[in-house]
Protein backbone atom coordinates (compact mmCIF):
# COMPACT_ATOMS: atom_id res chain seq x y z
CA MET A 1 -6.08 13.73 112.68
CA PRO A 2 -8.25 11.84 115.17
CA LEU A 3 -10.38 9.05 113.76
CA ILE A 4 -14.02 9.98 113.26
CA ILE A 5 -16.76 7.48 113.98
CA ASP A 6 -20.19 8.70 112.89
CA SER A 7 -23.11 6.98 114.59
CA HIS A 8 -25.82 7.68 112.02
CA GLN A 9 -25.91 7.76 108.21
CA ASP A 10 -28.85 6.59 106.08
CA LEU A 11 -26.75 5.00 103.35
CA ALA A 12 -28.97 2.14 102.15
CA TRP A 13 -32.06 4.35 102.12
CA ASN A 14 -30.29 6.82 99.83
CA MET A 15 -28.89 4.07 97.63
CA LEU A 16 -32.34 2.56 97.05
CA ALA A 17 -34.50 5.69 97.06
CA TYR A 18 -32.15 8.02 95.17
CA GLN A 19 -29.60 5.69 93.54
CA ARG A 20 -26.72 7.39 95.31
CA ASP A 21 -23.44 5.49 95.12
CA TYR A 22 -21.14 6.28 98.04
CA SER A 23 -18.21 4.43 96.51
CA ARG A 24 -17.76 7.35 94.12
CA PRO A 25 -16.48 10.87 94.87
CA LEU A 26 -18.96 13.34 96.32
CA ALA A 27 -18.29 15.76 93.48
CA GLU A 28 -19.49 13.15 90.99
CA THR A 29 -22.72 12.54 92.93
CA ARG A 30 -23.45 16.25 92.98
CA ARG A 31 -22.68 16.57 89.27
CA LEU A 32 -24.96 13.67 88.35
CA GLU A 33 -27.84 15.15 90.36
CA ILE A 34 -27.76 18.55 88.64
CA GLY A 35 -31.08 19.01 86.88
CA THR A 36 -32.82 16.31 88.94
CA THR A 37 -35.28 16.78 91.80
CA ILE A 38 -33.09 14.85 94.28
CA PRO A 39 -31.34 17.89 95.85
CA GLU A 40 -34.71 19.54 96.35
CA ARG A 41 -36.20 16.42 97.95
CA ASN A 42 -33.23 15.23 100.01
CA GLY A 43 -30.70 18.04 99.90
CA GLN A 44 -27.33 18.23 98.19
CA SER A 45 -25.37 15.14 99.25
CA LEU A 46 -22.82 15.42 102.04
CA LEU A 47 -21.24 11.98 101.64
CA GLY A 48 -18.75 10.40 99.26
CA TRP A 49 -15.73 8.15 99.18
CA ASP A 50 -13.18 10.93 98.84
CA GLU A 51 -14.73 12.86 101.70
CA TYR A 52 -14.62 9.87 104.06
CA GLN A 53 -10.90 9.60 103.33
CA ARG A 54 -10.20 13.32 103.66
CA GLY A 55 -12.08 13.55 106.94
CA ASN A 56 -10.52 10.42 108.48
CA VAL A 57 -13.98 8.86 108.85
CA ALA A 58 -13.19 5.26 109.70
CA VAL A 59 -16.51 3.81 110.87
CA VAL A 60 -20.17 4.66 110.23
CA PHE A 61 -23.32 3.30 111.87
CA SER A 62 -25.22 2.62 108.64
CA THR A 63 -28.97 2.44 109.00
CA LEU A 64 -31.87 0.34 107.86
CA PHE A 65 -34.79 2.73 107.48
CA ALA A 66 -38.28 2.92 106.00
CA ALA A 67 -41.21 5.17 106.86
CA PRO A 68 -44.76 4.13 107.74
CA ALA A 69 -47.29 4.86 105.00
CA ARG A 70 -48.87 7.71 106.98
CA ARG A 71 -45.54 9.57 106.85
CA ARG A 72 -44.68 9.09 103.14
CA ASP A 73 -44.32 12.83 102.62
CA LEU A 74 -41.28 12.72 100.33
CA GLU A 75 -41.24 11.24 96.83
CA GLY A 76 -38.63 8.53 96.75
CA THR A 77 -38.98 7.62 100.43
CA LEU A 78 -39.25 3.91 101.11
CA TRP A 79 -42.51 3.36 102.98
CA TYR A 80 -44.53 0.44 104.25
CA PRO A 81 -48.30 -0.08 104.63
CA ASP A 82 -47.92 -3.08 106.94
CA PHE A 83 -45.34 -5.02 108.94
CA ASP A 84 -44.69 -7.62 106.25
CA VAL A 85 -43.66 -4.89 103.80
CA ALA A 86 -41.56 -3.25 106.53
CA HIS A 87 -39.77 -6.55 107.09
CA LYS A 88 -39.03 -6.86 103.36
CA LEU A 89 -37.75 -3.28 103.05
CA TYR A 90 -35.41 -3.65 105.99
CA ARG A 91 -34.21 -7.05 104.77
CA ASP A 92 -33.53 -5.58 101.32
CA GLN A 93 -31.34 -2.91 102.91
CA ILE A 94 -29.20 -5.22 105.02
CA HIS A 95 -28.75 -7.51 102.02
CA LEU A 96 -27.71 -4.44 100.02
CA TYR A 97 -24.97 -3.74 102.57
CA HIS A 98 -23.73 -7.31 102.24
CA GLN A 99 -23.74 -7.15 98.45
CA TRP A 100 -22.18 -3.68 98.37
CA THR A 101 -19.32 -4.54 100.71
CA ASP A 102 -18.65 -7.74 98.73
CA GLU A 103 -18.40 -5.65 95.56
CA HIS A 104 -16.28 -2.87 97.13
CA PRO A 105 -14.11 -4.62 99.77
CA ASP A 106 -11.34 -2.03 99.46
CA GLN A 107 -13.78 0.75 100.24
CA PHE A 108 -16.37 -0.61 102.67
CA ARG A 109 -16.42 -3.45 105.22
CA LEU A 110 -19.26 -4.72 107.38
CA ILE A 111 -18.51 -4.79 111.10
CA ALA A 112 -20.41 -7.19 113.35
CA SER A 113 -17.61 -8.22 115.75
CA THR A 114 -14.62 -6.74 117.52
CA ALA A 115 -12.34 -8.76 115.23
CA GLU A 116 -13.83 -7.01 112.19
CA LEU A 117 -13.72 -3.66 113.97
CA GLU A 118 -10.04 -3.97 114.83
CA ALA A 119 -9.16 -5.00 111.28
CA VAL A 120 -10.69 -1.76 109.99
CA VAL A 121 -9.18 0.43 112.72
CA GLN A 122 -5.74 -1.05 112.10
CA ARG A 123 -5.90 -0.03 108.43
CA TRP A 124 -6.77 3.52 109.46
CA SER A 125 -3.92 3.66 111.96
CA GLN A 126 -1.37 3.16 109.17
CA PRO A 127 -0.20 5.86 106.75
CA ILE A 128 -2.27 5.63 103.58
CA GLU A 129 0.80 4.81 101.49
CA GLU A 130 1.31 1.72 103.69
CA SER A 131 -2.31 0.64 104.13
CA GLY A 132 -3.10 0.88 100.41
CA SER A 133 -6.79 1.59 100.87
CA ARG A 134 -8.65 2.48 104.03
CA PRO A 135 -12.09 0.85 103.96
CA VAL A 136 -14.90 2.50 105.90
CA GLY A 137 -16.42 0.12 108.44
CA LEU A 138 -20.22 -0.18 108.54
CA VAL A 139 -22.06 -1.12 111.74
CA THR A 140 -25.73 -1.75 110.92
CA LEU A 141 -28.42 0.04 112.92
CA MET A 142 -32.17 -0.47 112.49
CA GLU A 143 -34.04 2.84 112.79
CA GLY A 144 -37.63 2.04 113.67
CA ALA A 145 -38.21 -1.59 114.59
CA GLU A 146 -41.31 -2.47 112.62
CA GLY A 147 -39.16 -4.60 110.33
CA ILE A 148 -39.10 -7.00 113.28
CA ARG A 149 -42.49 -8.67 113.23
CA SER A 150 -41.91 -10.57 116.47
CA PRO A 151 -39.05 -11.22 118.90
CA LYS A 152 -38.66 -14.64 117.31
CA GLU A 153 -37.05 -12.90 114.31
CA LEU A 154 -34.19 -11.43 116.36
CA LEU A 155 -31.98 -14.46 115.72
CA GLU A 156 -32.38 -13.94 111.97
CA TRP A 157 -31.36 -10.28 112.30
CA TRP A 158 -28.42 -11.08 114.57
CA GLU A 159 -27.10 -13.63 112.09
CA LEU A 160 -27.40 -11.01 109.31
CA GLY A 161 -25.07 -8.76 111.33
CA LEU A 162 -27.53 -6.29 112.87
CA ARG A 163 -26.17 -5.04 116.19
CA ILE A 164 -28.15 -1.89 117.12
CA ILE A 165 -31.93 -1.39 117.14
CA GLY A 166 -33.93 1.80 117.67
CA LEU A 167 -37.60 1.14 118.38
CA ALA A 168 -38.90 4.39 116.90
CA TRP A 169 -38.73 6.92 114.11
CA ALA A 170 -42.31 8.03 114.16
CA GLY A 171 -44.43 6.15 116.66
CA THR A 172 -44.41 2.38 116.22
CA ARG A 173 -46.30 -0.47 117.76
CA TYR A 174 -43.38 -0.70 120.19
CA CYS A 175 -43.37 2.87 121.55
CA GLY A 176 -44.07 6.53 120.91
CA GLY A 177 -41.75 8.41 118.60
CA THR A 178 -41.10 11.74 116.91
CA ASN A 179 -44.32 13.82 116.76
CA GLU A 180 -46.28 10.78 117.95
CA PRO A 181 -45.74 10.61 121.72
CA GLY A 182 -46.37 7.62 123.91
CA PRO A 183 -44.69 5.16 126.29
CA LEU A 184 -43.37 1.69 125.66
CA THR A 185 -46.14 -0.71 124.73
CA GLU A 186 -46.36 -4.27 125.99
CA GLU A 187 -44.94 -5.37 122.62
CA GLY A 188 -42.09 -2.93 123.12
CA ARG A 189 -41.31 -4.30 126.56
CA GLU A 190 -41.35 -7.84 125.19
CA LEU A 191 -39.03 -6.87 122.32
CA ILE A 192 -36.39 -5.12 124.42
CA SER A 193 -36.38 -8.00 126.88
CA ALA A 194 -35.55 -10.37 124.02
CA MET A 195 -33.02 -7.90 122.55
CA ALA A 196 -31.06 -7.88 125.80
CA GLU A 197 -30.71 -11.66 125.71
CA PHE A 198 -29.00 -11.45 122.31
CA GLY A 199 -26.80 -8.47 123.14
CA PHE A 200 -28.32 -5.85 120.85
CA ALA A 201 -27.68 -2.23 121.78
CA LEU A 202 -30.85 -0.13 122.13
CA ASP A 203 -30.88 3.27 120.39
CA ILE A 204 -33.25 5.71 122.11
CA SER A 205 -33.05 8.39 119.38
CA HIS A 206 -36.54 9.29 118.12
CA MET A 207 -38.16 7.62 121.15
CA ASP A 208 -40.64 9.74 123.07
CA GLU A 209 -39.31 10.73 126.48
CA ALA A 210 -41.69 8.46 128.38
CA ALA A 211 -40.54 5.46 126.34
CA ALA A 212 -36.88 6.44 126.60
CA LEU A 213 -36.98 6.87 130.38
CA GLU A 214 -38.70 3.54 130.89
CA SER A 215 -36.16 1.88 128.59
CA LEU A 216 -33.31 3.40 130.58
CA GLU A 217 -34.75 1.84 133.73
CA ARG A 218 -35.84 -1.46 132.22
CA TYR A 219 -33.33 -2.41 129.52
CA GLU A 220 -30.62 -4.78 130.73
CA GLY A 221 -28.36 -4.27 127.71
CA THR A 222 -26.42 -1.30 126.37
CA LEU A 223 -28.11 1.98 125.43
CA LEU A 224 -27.13 4.88 123.20
CA ALA A 225 -28.58 7.87 121.39
CA SER A 226 -27.18 7.69 117.87
CA HIS A 227 -28.39 11.09 116.66
CA SER A 228 -30.06 13.32 119.24
CA ASN A 229 -29.64 16.95 120.22
CA CYS A 230 -30.24 18.65 123.57
CA ALA A 231 -33.74 19.89 124.35
CA ALA A 232 -32.27 22.35 126.87
CA LEU A 233 -30.69 24.28 123.97
CA MET A 234 -33.89 24.24 121.89
CA LYS A 235 -36.17 26.22 124.19
CA GLY A 236 -39.45 27.05 122.49
CA SER A 237 -39.46 23.92 120.34
CA ALA A 238 -42.66 21.90 120.57
CA SER A 239 -40.95 18.80 119.16
CA ASN A 240 -40.29 15.69 121.23
CA ARG A 241 -37.39 14.88 118.89
CA HIS A 242 -34.73 16.35 121.21
CA VAL A 243 -33.54 14.71 124.43
CA SER A 244 -33.99 16.29 127.83
CA ASP A 245 -31.26 16.65 130.43
CA ARG A 246 -33.07 13.97 132.42
CA VAL A 247 -32.66 11.49 129.57
CA ILE A 248 -29.06 12.53 128.90
CA GLU A 249 -28.12 12.15 132.55
CA ALA A 250 -29.73 8.72 132.70
CA LEU A 251 -27.83 7.68 129.56
CA ILE A 252 -24.59 8.92 131.06
CA GLU A 253 -25.28 6.95 134.24
CA ARG A 254 -25.79 3.84 132.10
CA GLY A 255 -22.49 4.43 130.27
CA GLY A 256 -24.14 5.51 127.01
CA VAL A 257 -22.91 7.88 124.31
CA ILE A 258 -24.98 10.63 122.67
CA GLY A 259 -24.29 11.48 119.03
CA SER A 260 -25.12 15.11 118.20
CA THR A 261 -26.44 16.15 114.77
CA PRO A 262 -25.37 19.28 112.83
CA TYR A 263 -28.78 19.84 111.23
CA ASN A 264 -29.77 23.50 111.38
CA SER A 265 -33.38 22.73 112.26
CA PHE A 266 -32.05 20.89 115.33
CA LEU A 267 -29.75 23.80 116.23
CA LYS A 268 -32.04 26.81 115.94
CA VAL A 269 -35.75 26.77 116.77
CA GLY A 270 -37.81 27.74 113.74
CA TRP A 271 -35.02 27.27 111.18
CA SER A 272 -36.36 25.76 107.95
CA SER A 273 -34.89 25.68 104.47
CA ARG A 274 -38.39 25.38 103.05
CA ALA A 275 -39.38 28.59 104.83
CA GLY A 276 -36.41 30.41 103.33
CA SER A 277 -34.05 30.32 106.32
CA ARG A 278 -30.42 30.96 105.39
CA ARG A 279 -27.46 28.69 106.25
CA GLU A 280 -25.44 31.56 107.67
CA GLU A 281 -28.02 32.02 110.43
CA VAL A 282 -26.58 28.94 112.19
CA PRO A 283 -22.82 28.89 112.88
CA LEU A 284 -20.87 25.74 113.63
CA ASP A 285 -20.60 26.97 117.21
CA ALA A 286 -24.32 26.25 117.63
CA TYR A 287 -23.57 22.60 116.94
CA ILE A 288 -20.57 22.55 119.25
CA ALA A 289 -22.83 23.88 122.01
CA HIS A 290 -24.82 20.61 121.97
CA ILE A 291 -21.67 18.53 122.27
CA ASP A 292 -20.40 20.78 125.04
CA HIS A 293 -23.74 20.54 126.89
CA VAL A 294 -23.42 16.75 127.05
CA CYS A 295 -19.86 17.08 128.32
CA GLN A 296 -20.89 19.58 130.98
CA LEU A 297 -23.66 17.29 132.22
CA ALA A 298 -21.23 14.37 132.33
CA GLY A 299 -18.37 16.33 133.84
CA ASN A 300 -16.04 14.80 131.24
CA SER A 301 -15.72 14.10 127.51
CA LEU A 302 -16.60 10.40 127.66
CA HIS A 303 -20.26 10.48 126.56
CA ALA A 304 -20.42 12.87 123.57
CA GLY A 305 -20.01 11.86 119.96
CA ILE A 306 -20.78 12.63 116.32
CA GLY A 307 -24.12 11.40 114.92
CA SER A 308 -24.38 13.39 111.71
CA ASP A 309 -27.55 11.91 110.15
CA PHE A 310 -26.05 13.21 106.87
CA ASP A 311 -28.19 12.67 103.76
CA GLY A 312 -31.04 11.73 106.11
CA GLY A 313 -33.67 14.01 104.59
CA PHE A 314 -31.41 17.07 104.47
CA GLY A 315 -28.20 18.08 102.75
CA ALA A 316 -25.53 20.73 102.45
CA GLN A 317 -28.10 23.53 102.30
CA SER A 318 -29.20 22.70 105.86
CA VAL A 319 -25.97 22.43 107.87
CA PRO A 320 -23.69 25.17 109.25
CA MET A 321 -21.70 27.04 106.60
CA GLU A 322 -18.41 25.62 107.88
CA LEU A 323 -19.51 22.11 106.82
CA ASP A 324 -19.80 21.25 103.14
CA SER A 325 -19.45 17.49 103.59
CA ILE A 326 -18.49 14.73 106.00
CA GLY A 327 -14.90 15.55 105.12
CA ASP A 328 -15.19 18.81 107.06
CA MET A 329 -16.11 17.23 110.40
CA GLN A 330 -12.53 17.63 111.65
CA ARG A 331 -13.49 21.29 112.04
CA VAL A 332 -15.53 20.19 115.04
CA GLY A 333 -12.26 19.31 116.73
CA GLU A 334 -10.75 22.67 115.82
CA ASN A 335 -13.74 24.46 117.35
CA LEU A 336 -13.54 22.36 120.49
CA ALA A 337 -9.85 23.23 120.79
CA GLU A 338 -10.76 26.91 120.64
CA ARG A 339 -13.10 26.30 123.58
CA GLY A 340 -10.21 24.85 125.55
CA TYR A 341 -10.80 21.13 125.03
CA ALA A 342 -7.62 19.06 125.25
CA GLU A 343 -6.45 16.79 122.43
CA ALA A 344 -7.52 13.67 124.33
CA ASP A 345 -11.02 15.07 124.86
CA ILE A 346 -11.33 15.98 121.18
CA ALA A 347 -10.23 12.49 120.16
CA ASN A 348 -12.88 11.03 122.50
CA ILE A 349 -15.66 13.12 120.99
CA LEU A 350 -14.74 12.66 117.33
CA GLY A 351 -14.46 8.90 117.53
CA GLY A 352 -12.87 7.52 120.67
CA ASN A 353 -16.10 7.24 122.63
CA TRP A 354 -17.86 5.32 119.88
CA LEU A 355 -14.80 3.13 119.44
CA ARG A 356 -14.87 2.26 123.14
CA PHE A 357 -18.63 1.65 122.92
CA LEU A 358 -18.15 -0.80 120.04
CA ARG A 359 -15.20 -2.57 121.65
CA ASN A 360 -17.24 -3.07 124.81
CA ASN A 361 -20.42 -4.26 123.12
CA LEU A 362 -19.71 -6.13 119.91
CA PRO A 363 -19.17 -9.89 120.13
CA ALA A 364 -15.58 -11.06 119.74
CA THR A 365 -16.21 -12.92 116.46
């Protein structure tokens, strides 16, 4: 099986808000949550240690995330009323990753350099009976940058191992975001200028189009979209959450990769579990169409990837029926093969493109 690299999972947020433990089997998490309100609030979990192994999921971009107080619409969500609290919440999450990987070194490893990346990939390239255990590598990604109170704090975050920063979730003081449109602000321009000097990658997912397009012109570092679907396939949607062909083409020109998300609400306009929509209304092929659209715009398979956003406010009830967990993501490759994609192209999309991205952009040590 090709290696899978998933560019967006909200692990720390789930661990703190819902006490989920991803070192245990998925079946155990689901059993423990029977009779609780967690599946109703955040969906039935899609992630677990056994499923990472079964699906050949070698590396995950693991997020730091908290919501602004005005968007605290889910019980259990970590939210901040001001930037000092945001800073603390994000710091707590990156420290949690450090503590967690220290406690479970055979299962999870932090990746902040190519040396650490290659050590993880090497373990996954060996048969499991030879490698012993195959730890999942975690590359930290900050989703929404209000945990950074000023550019002066970037050194602190770099030394903690943060390597990717997205300026927005909702709108922030740095730029417009999902459902809160707007361009880069002067503070946003100042921040990305400082980010480029350190070597952070800039994630444009959740950024309003005006902010994303300016970033694509202005940012001197590497850009990506960790979990974004194609606006061209969501005609009739009023949301600015999806990325236009103009943004995708600009990302491709800059050498970026776009991770597509198999969330039914991002695959079919008007789909909502809360409104009683059914899973079977959205086949896996609807997800594959977003990956294929990126490949068609690029003219090759070098810019499409997996960005599942699993357990990020939705669960198994809200993904195509063919997917019950992260362990089923190899089915994406099977579907691509049915569309005529070659083995090399499938390997690129499932993980090879993100692997190349990391090799090209992480520091050596």
